[in-house]
Amino acid sequence: MTVDGRVDELTCEVYDVPTDRLESDGTLSWSSTTMVLVRVRSSGSEGLGWTYAGAGVKSVVDGILSGVVLGSEALGVPNANEAMRRACRNLGRPGVASEAISAVDIALWDLKAKLLDLSLSDLFGRAVDEVPVYGSGGFTNYSEAVTERQVEGWVGEQNIPRVKIKIGESWGQEIQRDLDRVDLVRRVAGDAVELFVDANGAYQSKQAIRVAGQLSERGVTWFEEPVSSDDLAGLRAVRHGCDIDVAAGEYGYSPDYFATMISAQAVDCLQADATRCGGYTAWLKAAHVAEAHHLQISAHCAPNLHARVASAAVNLRHVEYFHDHAHLEELLFEGTLSPKGGSMTPDGSPGHGLELRAADAARYRTA
């Protein structure tokens, strides 16, 4: 098949979707999820990409990235990604600029796969047919009843054998409640379910080591961001001071970040988020960096966007089936994948398989 097209249109939209209730982790609270969505078009086909970020991403897409991408070869996604990265030099790569690049990159890959009439799983090359997931939520402000219902939904209704809750409440000042909530989830989920926790950087390193000892006694096997992901020495100290796997990387905005984190021996499993790190192009680079150091990779949030690119990683551990993003994707998109049984199975739909339901999304559009 010969495809010789140029990107002839790029648009950007902002949607803000309320959460079903106020949510909190160890260091932040929120009541809505903002999605910045990019459309790219070529030869009558359209690709979609998005990031879960602030509305300011739209100004970067409209003001800088559109000028770089328009007229570029629709199949030359890595070249476009590099051109976008260079164009954002003076903005500062981490944060908003990288999130904007991510949304455009994902849209370009979706477009390329559609032009070639391929699923992204097949375009990237499948390493696995089924993508393991874990249920993720369990926010620190949840009541016991709400937490129980959520865990029962993951384990009892969807048969997901891995669950994660937030701990580190109030910047690590409520350790007993953290442990009580872990005990609650263990009772509800049962002993056979893998139990993960995420402190969102709320603890100090020695504090986290002490907490880890008590978590280990409760069968916890995954300790995400026990300290700030910027504190590589602290992460390494926790990693070497406990027998639980330490994970971080969700705030990585470039391959250099992941290489530095791994070189610091800070994690047992690397996390990367395609909606932040530079899109699918950069997510695959992160997976390769981890593989070169004999580490696995886990996809952070955005489960339906990650399913197909994650299936191309030979060192994949799992994808986070995050409550807010799963809810939004099911609410606004056709083609979402079921996590029942503990995995998502990408089908042969062209691209990433997701199409926006415009009528349903319109009420949430803010720009």
Protein backbone atom coordinates (compact mmCIF):
# COMPACT_ATOMS: atom_id res chain seq x y z
CA MET A 1 0.00 0.00 0.00
CA THR A 2 1.28 3.45 -0.93
CA VAL A 3 0.20 6.42 1.14
CA ASP A 4 1.64 9.83 0.33
CA GLY A 5 -0.29 12.38 2.32
CA ARG A 6 0.38 15.51 4.29
CA VAL A 7 -1.29 16.69 7.47
CA ASP A 8 -3.71 19.29 6.16
CA GLU A 9 -5.69 20.16 9.31
CA LEU A 10 -5.06 20.30 13.05
CA THR A 11 -7.57 21.45 15.65
CA CYS A 12 -7.66 21.41 19.44
CA GLU A 13 -10.55 21.21 21.92
CA VAL A 14 -10.84 21.32 25.72
CA TYR A 15 -13.32 19.31 27.80
CA ASP A 16 -13.86 19.40 31.56
CA VAL A 17 -15.70 16.45 33.09
CA PRO A 18 -16.74 16.49 36.78
CA THR A 19 -15.67 13.52 38.88
CA ASP A 20 -18.46 11.58 40.56
CA ARG A 21 -17.38 13.10 43.90
CA LEU A 22 -14.50 15.10 45.36
CA GLU A 23 -11.28 13.08 45.23
CA SER A 24 -8.02 13.36 47.16
CA ASP A 25 -4.67 11.66 47.32
CA GLY A 26 -1.80 12.28 49.72
CA THR A 27 -0.90 15.69 48.29
CA LEU A 28 -3.81 17.04 46.18
CA SER A 29 -7.61 17.23 45.82
CA TRP A 30 -9.71 17.71 42.68
CA SER A 31 -13.32 17.65 41.46
CA SER A 32 -12.99 17.41 37.68
CA THR A 33 -10.82 15.95 34.93
CA THR A 34 -9.68 18.17 32.05
CA MET A 35 -9.01 16.56 28.69
CA VAL A 36 -7.31 18.46 25.85
CA LEU A 37 -8.13 16.71 22.57
CA VAL A 38 -6.32 17.11 19.26
CA ARG A 39 -7.63 16.19 15.80
CA VAL A 40 -5.32 15.81 12.80
CA ARG A 41 -6.51 15.10 9.27
CA SER A 42 -4.99 13.88 6.03
CA SER A 43 -6.40 12.30 2.86
CA GLY A 44 -9.89 12.18 4.33
CA SER A 45 -8.86 10.38 7.53
CA GLU A 46 -8.78 11.78 11.07
CA GLY A 47 -6.61 10.90 14.02
CA LEU A 48 -7.46 11.67 17.64
CA GLY A 49 -5.13 12.20 20.57
CA TRP A 50 -5.47 13.75 23.98
CA THR A 51 -3.84 14.50 27.27
CA TYR A 52 -5.25 14.84 30.76
CA ALA A 53 -3.83 18.25 31.60
CA GLY A 54 -4.67 21.92 32.00
CA ALA A 55 -6.45 23.99 29.36
CA GLY A 56 -3.19 25.87 28.75
CA VAL A 57 -2.09 22.94 26.57
CA LYS A 58 -4.39 24.27 23.85
CA SER A 59 -2.38 27.49 23.52
CA VAL A 60 0.80 25.49 22.87
CA VAL A 61 -0.94 23.28 20.30
CA ASP A 62 -2.56 26.21 18.50
CA GLY A 63 0.29 28.67 18.83
CA ILE A 64 3.36 26.51 18.19
CA LEU A 65 2.75 22.87 17.32
CA SER A 66 0.17 23.40 14.58
CA GLY A 67 2.72 25.40 12.59
CA VAL A 68 5.20 22.56 12.90
CA VAL A 69 2.85 19.70 12.06
CA LEU A 70 0.70 21.18 9.30
CA GLY A 71 2.13 20.15 5.96
CA SER A 72 4.31 17.41 7.46
CA GLU A 73 4.22 13.85 6.11
CA ALA A 74 1.33 12.03 7.72
CA LEU A 75 3.37 8.83 8.02
CA GLY A 76 6.48 10.52 9.42
CA VAL A 77 5.42 10.63 13.05
CA PRO A 78 8.88 10.35 14.69
CA ASN A 79 10.10 13.26 12.54
CA ALA A 80 7.11 15.35 13.61
CA ASN A 81 7.69 14.45 17.25
CA GLU A 82 11.31 15.63 17.05
CA ALA A 83 10.28 18.83 15.26
CA MET A 84 7.72 19.58 17.98
CA ARG A 85 10.27 18.95 20.70
CA ARG A 86 12.70 21.39 19.11
CA ALA A 87 10.00 24.01 18.58
CA CYS A 88 9.24 23.98 22.32
CA ARG A 89 12.85 24.53 23.39
CA ASN A 90 12.33 28.00 24.79
CA LEU A 91 9.05 27.10 26.50
CA GLY A 92 10.70 24.50 28.72
CA ARG A 93 10.05 20.88 27.84
CA PRO A 94 8.58 19.47 31.09
CA GLY A 95 4.92 20.01 31.86
CA VAL A 96 2.52 21.78 29.53
CA ALA A 97 4.73 21.71 26.43
CA SER A 98 5.33 17.97 26.73
CA GLU A 99 1.64 17.31 27.35
CA ALA A 100 0.81 19.25 24.18
CA ILE A 101 3.38 17.25 22.20
CA SER A 102 1.89 14.06 23.65
CA ALA A 103 -1.64 14.83 22.49
CA VAL A 104 -0.50 15.67 18.96
CA ASP A 105 1.83 12.66 18.75
CA ILE A 106 -0.95 10.26 19.78
CA ALA A 107 -3.27 11.82 17.19
CA LEU A 108 -0.60 11.45 14.49
CA TRP A 109 -0.06 7.77 15.28
CA ASP A 110 -3.82 7.19 15.24
CA LEU A 111 -3.99 8.93 11.85
CA LYS A 112 -1.06 6.93 10.44
CA ALA A 113 -2.59 3.63 11.50
CA LYS A 114 -5.93 4.58 9.97
CA LEU A 115 -4.28 5.59 6.70
CA LEU A 116 -2.64 2.15 6.64
CA ASP A 117 -5.85 0.46 7.84
CA LEU A 118 -4.04 -1.08 10.79
CA SER A 119 -4.62 -1.33 14.49
CA LEU A 120 -1.89 0.45 16.42
CA SER A 121 -1.17 -2.90 18.09
CA ASP A 122 -0.31 -4.33 14.69
CA LEU A 123 1.49 -1.20 13.50
CA PHE A 124 3.75 -1.19 16.56
CA GLY A 125 3.99 -4.99 16.62
CA ARG A 126 2.24 -7.04 19.28
CA ALA A 127 4.34 -8.49 22.07
CA VAL A 128 1.27 -9.58 24.06
CA ASP A 129 -2.34 -10.20 23.06
CA GLU A 130 -3.80 -9.36 26.45
CA VAL A 131 -2.77 -6.30 28.47
CA PRO A 132 -2.95 -6.84 32.27
CA VAL A 133 -4.66 -4.09 34.25
CA TYR A 134 -5.13 -3.11 37.87
CA GLY A 135 -8.08 -1.25 39.36
CA SER A 136 -6.94 2.14 40.62
CA GLY A 137 -8.70 4.69 42.81
CA GLY A 138 -9.39 4.31 46.52
CA PHE A 139 -8.92 8.00 47.21
CA THR A 140 -7.92 9.12 50.69
CA ASN A 141 -11.11 11.10 51.29
CA TYR A 142 -13.39 8.15 50.47
CA SER A 143 -15.55 6.78 53.24
CA GLU A 144 -15.26 3.10 54.10
CA ALA A 145 -18.53 2.41 52.29
CA VAL A 146 -17.40 4.11 49.07
CA THR A 147 -14.05 2.32 49.18
CA GLU A 148 -15.75 -1.03 49.71
CA ARG A 149 -18.10 -0.48 46.76
CA GLN A 150 -15.25 0.47 44.46
CA VAL A 151 -13.08 -2.51 45.42
CA GLU A 152 -16.04 -4.89 45.15
CA GLY A 153 -16.65 -3.52 41.66
CA TRP A 154 -13.10 -4.27 40.56
CA VAL A 155 -12.75 -7.64 42.22
CA GLY A 156 -16.29 -8.99 42.39
CA GLU A 157 -17.90 -7.60 39.24
CA GLN A 158 -14.94 -7.23 36.88
CA ASN A 159 -12.75 -9.99 38.32
CA ILE A 160 -9.62 -7.81 38.30
CA PRO A 161 -6.98 -9.51 40.50
CA ARG A 162 -4.98 -6.35 41.25
CA VAL A 163 -6.13 -3.18 43.05
CA LYS A 164 -4.48 0.05 44.15
CA ILE A 165 -5.53 2.70 46.64
CA LYS A 166 -4.14 6.07 47.64
CA ILE A 167 -2.34 6.48 50.96
CA GLY A 168 -0.17 9.20 52.50
CA GLU A 169 -3.21 11.18 53.59
CA SER A 170 -2.52 14.81 54.53
CA TRP A 171 1.12 14.67 53.42
CA GLY A 172 1.80 11.55 55.46
CA GLN A 173 0.26 12.76 58.70
CA GLU A 174 -2.41 10.06 58.99
CA ILE A 175 -0.41 6.85 58.90
CA GLN A 176 -2.78 4.84 61.08
CA ARG A 177 -5.70 5.70 58.82
CA ASP A 178 -3.58 4.75 55.82
CA LEU A 179 -2.97 1.33 57.36
CA ASP A 180 -6.59 0.93 58.43
CA ARG A 181 -7.68 1.57 54.85
CA VAL A 182 -5.21 -1.00 53.56
CA ASP A 183 -6.67 -3.51 56.06
CA LEU A 184 -10.17 -2.65 54.83
CA VAL A 185 -9.25 -3.29 51.20
CA ARG A 186 -7.54 -6.56 52.10
CA ARG A 187 -10.69 -7.76 53.89
CA VAL A 188 -12.91 -6.80 50.97
CA ALA A 189 -10.62 -8.04 48.19
CA GLY A 190 -9.41 -11.22 49.85
CA ASP A 191 -5.94 -12.68 50.18
CA ALA A 192 -5.57 -13.77 46.56
CA VAL A 193 -5.77 -10.25 45.12
CA GLU A 194 -2.56 -8.27 44.61
CA LEU A 195 -2.67 -5.09 46.69
CA PHE A 196 -0.91 -1.90 45.59
CA VAL A 197 -0.62 1.54 47.22
CA ASP A 198 0.28 5.00 45.93
CA ALA A 199 1.47 7.75 48.29
CA ASN A 200 1.88 10.42 45.58
CA GLY A 201 5.13 11.52 47.20
CA ALA A 202 3.55 12.30 50.56
CA TYR A 203 6.11 10.66 52.85
CA GLN A 204 9.72 11.38 53.78
CA SER A 205 12.18 8.59 53.02
CA LYS A 206 12.72 7.10 56.49
CA GLN A 207 9.03 7.52 57.25
CA ALA A 208 8.23 5.65 54.04
CA ILE A 209 10.59 2.81 55.00
CA ARG A 210 8.83 2.43 58.34
CA VAL A 211 5.43 2.44 56.62
CA ALA A 212 6.68 -0.05 54.03
CA GLY A 213 7.48 -2.55 56.75
CA GLN A 214 3.88 -2.43 57.94
CA LEU A 215 2.55 -2.59 54.38
CA SER A 216 4.64 -5.67 53.68
CA GLU A 217 3.04 -7.41 56.66
CA ARG A 218 -0.31 -6.75 54.97
CA GLY A 219 0.78 -8.30 51.70
CA VAL A 220 1.27 -5.07 49.73
CA THR A 221 3.60 -5.68 46.77
CA TRP A 222 3.69 -2.29 44.99
CA PHE A 223 4.61 1.03 46.64
CA GLU A 224 4.19 3.88 44.18
CA GLU A 225 5.89 7.21 44.80
CA PRO A 226 6.54 6.63 48.50
CA VAL A 227 8.49 9.91 48.34
CA SER A 228 8.55 12.63 45.72
CA SER A 229 9.59 11.38 42.30
CA ASP A 230 12.07 14.27 42.26
CA ASP A 231 13.84 12.72 45.25
CA LEU A 232 15.80 9.99 43.49
CA ALA A 233 18.05 9.40 46.49
CA GLY A 234 14.98 9.00 48.68
CA LEU A 235 13.34 6.59 46.24
CA ARG A 236 16.52 4.54 46.13
CA ALA A 237 16.69 4.48 49.94
CA VAL A 238 13.11 3.22 50.18
CA ARG A 239 13.70 0.69 47.41
CA HIS A 240 16.69 -0.78 49.21
CA GLY A 241 15.07 -0.46 52.62
CA CYS A 242 12.02 -2.64 51.99
CA ASP A 243 10.93 -5.80 50.15
CA ILE A 244 8.06 -4.11 48.26
CA ASP A 245 8.51 -3.05 44.63
CA VAL A 246 8.99 0.71 44.40
CA ALA A 247 7.56 2.40 41.30
CA ALA A 248 7.66 5.93 39.88
CA GLY A 249 7.96 7.77 36.58
CA GLU A 250 4.52 9.18 35.87
CA TYR A 251 5.97 12.71 35.79
CA GLY A 252 8.59 11.84 33.21
CA TYR A 253 8.51 14.24 30.28
CA SER A 254 11.43 12.91 28.22
CA PRO A 255 13.53 9.77 27.71
CA ASP A 256 16.37 11.48 29.62
CA TYR A 257 14.20 11.57 32.75
CA PHE A 258 13.60 7.83 32.63
CA ALA A 259 17.26 7.07 32.00
CA THR A 260 18.26 9.22 34.98
CA MET A 261 15.69 7.57 37.25
CA ILE A 262 16.85 4.10 36.29
CA SER A 263 20.54 4.99 36.58
CA ALA A 264 19.86 6.20 40.12
CA GLN A 265 18.52 2.70 40.93
CA ALA A 266 15.39 4.42 42.18
CA VAL A 267 12.69 2.01 40.95
CA ASP A 268 11.89 -1.68 40.60
CA CYS A 269 9.34 -0.95 37.88
CA LEU A 270 9.30 2.14 35.66
CA GLN A 271 6.08 4.02 35.04
CA ALA A 272 5.47 6.16 31.97
CA ASP A 273 2.43 8.11 30.77
CA ALA A 274 2.00 8.56 27.01
CA THR A 275 -0.22 11.60 27.62
CA ARG A 276 2.68 13.36 29.37
CA CYS A 277 6.01 11.98 28.24
CA GLY A 278 5.76 12.88 24.55
CA GLY A 279 3.10 10.52 23.19
CA TYR A 280 3.45 6.99 21.90
CA THR A 281 6.81 7.84 20.34
CA ALA A 282 8.35 8.64 23.71
CA TRP A 283 6.44 5.95 25.64
CA LEU A 284 8.02 3.25 23.51
CA LYS A 285 11.44 4.83 24.09
CA ALA A 286 10.82 4.66 27.84
CA ALA A 287 9.88 0.99 27.52
CA HIS A 288 13.10 0.32 25.63
CA VAL A 289 15.21 2.17 28.20
CA ALA A 290 13.62 0.06 30.95
CA GLU A 291 14.13 -3.15 28.98
CA ALA A 292 17.80 -2.34 28.46
CA HIS A 293 18.14 -2.24 32.26
CA HIS A 294 16.15 -5.45 32.81
CA LEU A 295 13.16 -3.59 34.24
CA GLN A 296 9.47 -3.81 33.44
CA ILE A 297 7.29 -0.86 32.51
CA SER A 298 3.79 0.05 33.68
CA ALA A 299 1.51 2.48 31.84
CA HIS A 300 0.20 5.28 34.05
CA CYS A 301 -3.52 6.11 33.73
CA ALA A 302 -5.41 6.68 30.40
CA PRO A 303 -6.12 2.94 30.10
CA ASN A 304 -7.79 2.92 26.69
CA LEU A 305 -5.16 5.16 25.14
CA HIS A 306 -2.40 2.95 26.51
CA ALA A 307 -3.81 -0.48 25.71
CA ARG A 308 -2.46 -0.77 22.18
CA VAL A 309 0.95 0.78 22.67
CA ALA A 310 1.39 -1.23 25.87
CA SER A 311 0.73 -4.42 23.92
CA ALA A 312 3.93 -3.70 21.96
CA ALA A 313 6.19 -3.73 25.05
CA VAL A 314 7.87 -7.06 25.70
CA ASN A 315 8.62 -5.90 29.25
CA LEU A 316 5.09 -4.73 30.09
CA ARG A 317 3.92 -5.36 33.65
CA HIS A 318 0.47 -3.77 33.49
CA VAL A 319 -1.71 -0.74 32.69
CA GLU A 320 -3.41 1.39 35.34
CA TYR A 321 -7.19 1.22 35.00
CA PHE A 322 -7.61 4.59 36.71
CA HIS A 323 -11.12 5.37 37.92
CA ASP A 324 -11.39 8.94 36.58
CA HIS A 325 -9.95 8.26 33.14
CA ALA A 326 -11.82 4.99 32.66
CA HIS A 327 -15.04 6.82 33.55
CA LEU A 328 -14.33 9.67 31.14
CA GLU A 329 -13.28 7.39 28.29
CA GLU A 330 -16.40 5.25 28.65
CA LEU A 331 -18.56 8.38 28.90
CA LEU A 332 -17.22 10.14 25.80
CA PHE A 333 -15.75 7.52 23.45
CA GLU A 334 -16.84 4.57 21.36
CA GLY A 335 -14.48 1.61 21.27
CA THR A 336 -13.39 1.39 24.91
CA LEU A 337 -12.07 -1.98 26.05
CA SER A 338 -13.37 -4.06 28.93
CA PRO A 339 -11.04 -4.82 31.86
CA LYS A 340 -13.08 -7.86 32.92
CA GLY A 341 -10.93 -10.78 33.91
CA GLY A 342 -7.99 -8.52 34.69
CA SER A 343 -6.86 -7.57 31.19
CA MET A 344 -7.76 -5.49 28.15
CA THR A 345 -7.65 -7.20 24.75
CA PRO A 346 -6.96 -4.82 21.85
CA ASP A 347 -9.02 -5.70 18.78
CA GLY A 348 -8.29 -5.05 15.12
CA SER A 349 -9.99 -1.65 14.93
CA PRO A 350 -7.87 0.86 12.97
CA GLY A 351 -5.76 3.22 15.03
CA HIS A 352 -6.29 3.18 18.79
CA GLY A 353 -9.91 2.23 18.18
CA LEU A 354 -11.46 5.19 19.99
CA GLU A 355 -13.90 7.67 18.45
CA LEU A 356 -15.37 10.69 20.25
CA ARG A 357 -19.13 10.74 20.66
CA ALA A 358 -19.58 14.38 19.73
CA ALA A 359 -23.11 14.75 21.08
CA ASP A 360 -22.17 13.33 24.47
CA ALA A 361 -18.97 15.36 24.66
CA ALA A 362 -20.50 18.72 23.67
CA ARG A 363 -21.91 19.48 27.13
CA TYR A 364 -18.42 19.25 28.65
CA ARG A 365 -16.59 21.35 26.06
CA THR A 366 -15.07 24.57 27.44
CA ALA A 367 -12.85 25.69 24.52
